[in-house]
Amino acid sequence: MKVGIDDFRGSEYDEDILEMDYCFGQQEINICMYCSVEMTEELLSEVNQLLVKLEQYDSQAKKYIAEELYEAYSQEVEGLSEQQFLSDLTLLSLYFTGNQSVEFSYEGGEYFGDHILSIEMIEGKFDRYVAMNG
C-alpha cells in the first residue's frame, strides 16, 4: 500500500511532525515523519520505499537487537531461547527524520519492563547501537 500526505495527520505533540497509523501484519504501528514543507515529498518517498521492505527491515532490526541484548537477558531469564526473545520484540513505530534516517522502536516484552528499544537505520544500514528508553 502506497501512502500519501492525506494518510497523515498533525501530531498532538509537535507541529513539525506528521503521523499515521499503519497496519503491519496483525499489529498497528505508528509512522511519524519530521518534516518541513520542502521535505514532505522526499520523506514520503522514503516512507514508501521502506514500507515495501518493512518485513525484511523489521527482521534485521530484531537480529541486531538480539545480538546486543540477548546474551545478557538470557542469563537473567532461565530457559529463554533466542527465538522467544525475538518473538517478544514488537515493532511500535517508525520515525523518519529525513536524510534517509529512520528510527525503529520496539516494545521488548516482559524482559524490558516499560522500556522501549530503538535502533536507527541510516541510508539503508542499521546502526549497531540499541538505545533503551523509558
Protein backbone atom coordinates (compact mmCIF):
# COMPACT_ATOMS: atom_id res chain seq x y z
CA MET A 1 0.00 0.00 0.00
CA LYS A 2 1.45 3.33 -1.02
CA VAL A 3 0.90 6.13 1.49
CA GLY A 4 0.35 9.76 0.64
CA ILE A 5 0.23 13.03 2.53
CA ASP A 6 -3.53 12.62 3.07
CA ASP A 7 -2.87 9.49 5.16
CA PHE A 8 -1.03 11.58 7.75
CA ARG A 9 -2.37 13.89 10.45
CA GLY A 10 -0.68 16.55 12.52
CA SER A 11 0.83 15.36 15.78
CA GLU A 12 -0.68 16.48 19.05
CA TYR A 13 2.82 16.89 20.48
CA ASP A 14 4.79 18.73 17.81
CA GLU A 15 3.55 20.85 14.92
CA ASP A 16 6.52 19.79 12.78
CA ILE A 17 5.58 16.10 12.94
CA LEU A 18 3.04 14.28 10.81
CA GLU A 19 1.89 10.83 11.88
CA MET A 20 -0.31 7.98 10.80
CA ASP A 21 -1.32 4.51 11.95
CA TYR A 22 -0.24 1.67 9.68
CA CYS A 23 -1.28 -1.97 9.72
CA PHE A 24 1.80 -4.20 9.80
CA GLY A 25 0.77 -7.84 9.89
CA GLN A 26 -1.58 -8.27 12.82
CA GLN A 27 -0.48 -5.10 14.61
CA GLU A 28 -0.84 -1.40 14.17
CA ILE A 29 2.29 0.72 14.21
CA ASN A 30 2.74 4.46 14.28
CA ILE A 31 4.63 6.14 11.46
CA CYS A 32 5.92 9.65 12.11
CA MET A 33 7.83 12.00 9.91
CA TYR A 34 9.52 15.19 10.92
CA CYS A 35 9.07 17.47 8.03
CA SER A 36 9.08 20.95 6.71
CA VAL A 37 7.12 21.83 3.59
CA GLU A 38 10.16 21.46 1.34
CA MET A 39 10.97 17.95 2.65
CA THR A 40 7.50 16.39 2.51
CA GLU A 41 7.75 14.71 -0.90
CA GLU A 42 11.25 13.39 -0.16
CA LEU A 43 10.11 11.92 3.16
CA LEU A 44 7.00 10.36 1.61
CA SER A 45 9.24 8.68 -0.93
CA GLU A 46 11.47 7.34 1.88
CA VAL A 47 8.41 6.08 3.79
CA ASN A 48 7.05 4.25 0.76
CA GLN A 49 10.42 2.73 -0.14
CA LEU A 50 10.84 1.40 3.39
CA LEU A 51 7.29 0.04 3.63
CA VAL A 52 7.91 -2.17 0.59
CA LYS A 53 10.69 -3.93 2.54
CA LEU A 54 9.35 -3.49 6.07
CA GLU A 55 9.27 -7.21 6.89
CA GLN A 56 12.91 -7.55 5.87
CA TYR A 57 14.00 -4.45 7.80
CA ASP A 58 11.99 -5.49 10.87
CA SER A 59 13.73 -8.85 10.85
CA GLN A 60 17.17 -7.23 10.52
CA ALA A 61 16.46 -4.76 13.32
CA LYS A 62 15.38 -7.56 15.65
CA LYS A 63 18.52 -9.51 14.77
CA TYR A 64 20.73 -6.57 15.74
CA ILE A 65 18.80 -6.05 18.98
CA ALA A 66 19.26 -9.74 19.83
CA GLU A 67 22.98 -9.58 19.04
CA GLU A 68 23.38 -6.77 21.53
CA LEU A 69 20.96 -7.80 24.29
CA TYR A 70 20.01 -11.49 24.13
CA GLU A 71 23.03 -12.88 25.97
CA ALA A 72 22.61 -10.57 28.95
CA TYR A 73 18.88 -11.19 29.27
CA SER A 74 19.08 -14.94 28.68
CA GLN A 75 21.32 -15.18 31.76
CA GLU A 76 18.61 -13.47 33.83
CA VAL A 77 15.66 -15.46 32.45
CA GLU A 78 16.18 -19.20 32.70
CA GLY A 79 15.22 -21.12 29.57
CA LEU A 80 14.82 -18.05 27.37
CA SER A 81 15.59 -19.05 23.80
CA GLU A 82 16.77 -16.57 21.22
CA GLN A 83 13.65 -17.34 19.16
CA GLN A 84 11.42 -16.49 22.15
CA PHE A 85 13.40 -13.31 22.74
CA LEU A 86 12.95 -12.28 19.09
CA SER A 87 9.25 -13.12 19.02
CA ASP A 88 8.62 -10.93 22.05
CA LEU A 89 10.03 -7.84 20.30
CA THR A 90 7.10 -5.87 18.88
CA LEU A 91 7.54 -3.02 16.42
CA LEU A 92 5.75 0.05 17.77
CA SER A 93 6.80 2.88 15.49
CA LEU A 94 8.91 4.24 12.69
CA TYR A 95 10.17 7.80 12.92
CA PHE A 96 11.52 9.36 9.74
CA THR A 97 13.76 12.36 10.29
CA GLY A 98 14.99 12.97 6.75
CA ASN A 99 18.29 12.32 5.01
CA GLN A 100 17.34 8.63 4.76
CA SER A 101 17.27 8.21 8.52
CA VAL A 102 14.55 6.27 10.32
CA GLU A 103 14.30 5.08 13.91
CA PHE A 104 12.63 1.73 14.62
CA SER A 105 11.13 1.49 18.12
CA TYR A 106 10.23 -1.79 19.79
CA GLU A 107 8.43 -2.92 22.87
CA GLY A 108 10.62 -5.54 24.48
CA GLY A 109 8.09 -7.74 26.17
CA GLU A 110 8.35 -8.70 29.82
CA TYR A 111 12.15 -8.71 29.79
CA PHE A 112 12.50 -4.93 29.50
CA GLY A 113 9.63 -3.71 31.67
CA ASP A 114 8.31 -0.41 30.37
CA HIS A 115 11.41 0.33 28.31
CA ILE A 116 11.30 0.97 24.58
CA LEU A 117 14.18 -0.28 22.45
CA SER A 118 15.24 1.85 19.49
CA ILE A 119 17.60 1.23 16.63
CA GLU A 120 18.37 3.68 13.84
CA MET A 121 18.72 2.92 10.16
CA ILE A 122 20.68 5.42 8.06
CA GLU A 123 20.84 5.09 4.30
CA GLY A 124 19.55 1.51 4.45
CA LYS A 125 22.00 0.30 7.12
CA PHE A 126 21.30 -0.25 10.79
CA ASP A 127 23.43 1.33 13.46
CA ARG A 128 24.60 -1.46 15.75
CA TYR A 129 23.76 0.60 18.84
CA VAL A 130 20.44 -0.14 20.55
CA ALA A 131 19.00 2.59 22.78
CA MET A 132 16.79 1.74 25.74
CA ASN A 133 14.31 4.46 26.66
CA GLY A 134 11.72 4.83 29.38
